[in-house]
Amino acid sequence: MSARPKVVVITGASSGFDPGRDGSEVVSAVYDRIRAEFLHHIGIDELLTPRASL
């Protein structure tokens, strides 16, 4: 029995595992939606729109 790398054993991923596709895009999208809903709920959703600071 050959020793396999620990990451493969823990995640069950194949040797072609790409750490750049770890699901963080989905987490970021959910966080952005929740933050927007919260700011709208408390009445400061104008912070979501960029403005010139003159």
N, C-alpha and C. Protein backbone atom coordinates (compact mmCIF):
# COMPACT_ATOMS: atom_id res chain seq x y z
N MET A 1 0.86 -1.18 0.00
CA MET A 1 0.00 0.00 0.00
C MET A 1 0.89 1.23 0.00
N SER A 2 0.73 2.09 -0.99
CA SER A 2 1.56 3.29 -1.07
C SER A 2 0.92 4.42 -0.27
N ALA A 3 1.77 5.25 0.29
CA ALA A 3 1.28 6.39 1.07
C ALA A 3 0.78 7.47 0.12
N ARG A 4 -0.41 7.97 0.38
CA ARG A 4 -0.96 9.05 -0.43
C ARG A 4 -0.79 10.36 0.32
N PRO A 5 -0.73 11.49 -0.38
CA PRO A 5 -0.63 12.79 0.31
C PRO A 5 -1.82 13.00 1.24
N LYS A 6 -1.60 13.64 2.36
CA LYS A 6 -2.65 13.84 3.36
C LYS A 6 -3.82 14.65 2.82
N VAL A 7 -3.59 15.63 1.95
CA VAL A 7 -4.67 16.45 1.42
C VAL A 7 -5.65 15.58 0.65
N VAL A 8 -5.16 14.65 -0.11
CA VAL A 8 -6.02 13.76 -0.88
C VAL A 8 -6.83 12.88 0.06
N VAL A 9 -6.21 12.40 1.12
CA VAL A 9 -6.90 11.55 2.08
C VAL A 9 -7.99 12.35 2.80
N ILE A 10 -7.71 13.59 3.17
CA ILE A 10 -8.67 14.40 3.93
C ILE A 10 -9.84 14.84 3.06
N THR A 11 -9.56 15.35 1.87
CA THR A 11 -10.63 15.89 1.04
C THR A 11 -11.26 14.86 0.13
N GLY A 12 -10.56 13.76 -0.13
CA GLY A 12 -11.07 12.78 -1.05
C GLY A 12 -10.95 13.23 -2.49
N ALA A 13 -10.19 14.30 -2.72
CA ALA A 13 -10.02 14.82 -4.07
C ALA A 13 -8.98 14.01 -4.84
N SER A 14 -9.08 14.06 -6.13
CA SER A 14 -8.09 13.38 -6.96
C SER A 14 -6.81 14.21 -7.01
N SER A 15 -5.80 13.68 -7.64
CA SER A 15 -4.53 14.40 -7.72
C SER A 15 -4.66 15.66 -8.56
N GLY A 16 -5.72 15.84 -9.32
CA GLY A 16 -5.93 17.03 -10.13
C GLY A 16 -6.69 18.12 -9.40
N PHE A 17 -6.70 18.09 -8.08
CA PHE A 17 -7.44 19.08 -7.28
C PHE A 17 -6.90 20.48 -7.52
N ASP A 18 -7.77 21.44 -7.78
CA ASP A 18 -7.38 22.83 -8.03
C ASP A 18 -7.82 23.67 -6.85
N PRO A 19 -6.89 24.15 -6.02
CA PRO A 19 -7.27 24.94 -4.85
C PRO A 19 -7.90 26.28 -5.21
N GLY A 20 -7.74 26.72 -6.44
CA GLY A 20 -8.38 27.96 -6.88
C GLY A 20 -9.88 27.84 -7.04
N ARG A 21 -10.37 26.61 -7.09
CA ARG A 21 -11.81 26.36 -7.24
C ARG A 21 -12.33 25.77 -5.94
N ASP A 22 -12.16 26.52 -4.86
CA ASP A 22 -12.51 26.02 -3.54
C ASP A 22 -13.91 26.44 -3.08
N GLY A 23 -14.66 27.12 -3.93
CA GLY A 23 -16.00 27.54 -3.57
C GLY A 23 -16.07 28.94 -3.00
N SER A 24 -14.94 29.63 -2.93
CA SER A 24 -14.94 30.96 -2.34
C SER A 24 -15.77 31.96 -3.15
N GLU A 25 -15.93 31.73 -4.45
CA GLU A 25 -16.76 32.62 -5.27
C GLU A 25 -18.20 32.58 -4.79
N VAL A 26 -18.68 31.41 -4.46
CA VAL A 26 -20.06 31.26 -3.98
C VAL A 26 -20.22 31.93 -2.63
N VAL A 27 -19.25 31.74 -1.75
CA VAL A 27 -19.30 32.37 -0.42
C VAL A 27 -19.32 33.89 -0.57
N SER A 28 -18.49 34.43 -1.44
CA SER A 28 -18.44 35.88 -1.64
C SER A 28 -19.76 36.41 -2.18
N ALA A 29 -20.36 35.71 -3.11
CA ALA A 29 -21.63 36.15 -3.67
C ALA A 29 -22.73 36.15 -2.61
N VAL A 30 -22.78 35.12 -1.79
CA VAL A 30 -23.78 35.05 -0.72
C VAL A 30 -23.54 36.17 0.29
N TYR A 31 -22.27 36.41 0.65
CA TYR A 31 -21.95 37.48 1.60
C TYR A 31 -22.38 38.84 1.05
N ASP A 32 -22.10 39.10 -0.22
CA ASP A 32 -22.49 40.38 -0.83
C ASP A 32 -24.00 40.57 -0.79
N ARG A 33 -24.75 39.50 -1.07
CA ARG A 33 -26.21 39.60 -1.06
C ARG A 33 -26.73 39.87 0.35
N ILE A 34 -26.19 39.16 1.33
CA ILE A 34 -26.63 39.34 2.71
C ILE A 34 -26.28 40.74 3.21
N ARG A 35 -25.08 41.22 2.86
CA ARG A 35 -24.67 42.57 3.27
C ARG A 35 -25.59 43.61 2.65
N ALA A 36 -25.93 43.47 1.37
CA ALA A 36 -26.82 44.41 0.71
C ALA A 36 -28.20 44.41 1.35
N GLU A 37 -28.71 43.23 1.64
CA GLU A 37 -30.03 43.14 2.29
C GLU A 37 -30.00 43.77 3.68
N PHE A 38 -28.92 43.55 4.43
CA PHE A 38 -28.81 44.13 5.76
C PHE A 38 -28.74 45.65 5.70
N LEU A 39 -27.90 46.19 4.81
CA LEU A 39 -27.79 47.64 4.70
C LEU A 39 -29.12 48.26 4.27
N HIS A 40 -29.83 47.59 3.38
CA HIS A 40 -31.15 48.07 2.97
C HIS A 40 -32.12 48.03 4.15
N HIS A 41 -32.07 46.96 4.92
CA HIS A 41 -32.98 46.79 6.06
C HIS A 41 -32.77 47.87 7.12
N ILE A 42 -31.53 48.26 7.37
CA ILE A 42 -31.28 49.28 8.40
C ILE A 42 -31.26 50.70 7.84
N GLY A 43 -31.52 50.82 6.53
CA GLY A 43 -31.72 52.14 5.95
C GLY A 43 -30.46 52.87 5.50
N ILE A 44 -29.38 52.17 5.33
CA ILE A 44 -28.17 52.84 4.84
C ILE A 44 -27.64 52.18 3.57
N ASP A 45 -28.55 51.75 2.72
CA ASP A 45 -28.14 51.08 1.50
C ASP A 45 -27.48 52.01 0.50
N GLU A 46 -27.49 53.33 0.75
CA GLU A 46 -26.78 54.25 -0.13
C GLU A 46 -25.26 54.02 -0.07
N LEU A 47 -24.81 53.29 0.94
CA LEU A 47 -23.39 52.95 1.02
C LEU A 47 -22.98 51.95 -0.05
N LEU A 48 -23.94 51.32 -0.70
CA LEU A 48 -23.63 50.33 -1.72
C LEU A 48 -23.30 50.95 -3.07
N THR A 49 -23.66 52.21 -3.29
CA THR A 49 -23.43 52.83 -4.59
C THR A 49 -22.20 53.73 -4.52
N PRO A 50 -21.28 53.56 -5.47
CA PRO A 50 -20.07 54.41 -5.48
C PRO A 50 -20.41 55.84 -5.88
N ARG A 51 -19.73 56.78 -5.25
CA ARG A 51 -19.91 58.21 -5.57
C ARG A 51 -18.56 58.88 -5.61
N ALA A 52 -18.49 59.98 -6.33
CA ALA A 52 -17.26 60.77 -6.36
C ALA A 52 -17.13 61.51 -5.02
N SER A 53 -15.94 61.57 -4.51
CA SER A 53 -15.73 62.23 -3.21
C SER A 53 -15.08 63.60 -3.45
N LEU A 54 -15.94 64.57 -3.79
CA LEU A 54 -15.45 65.94 -4.02
C LEU A 54 -15.87 66.85 -2.93
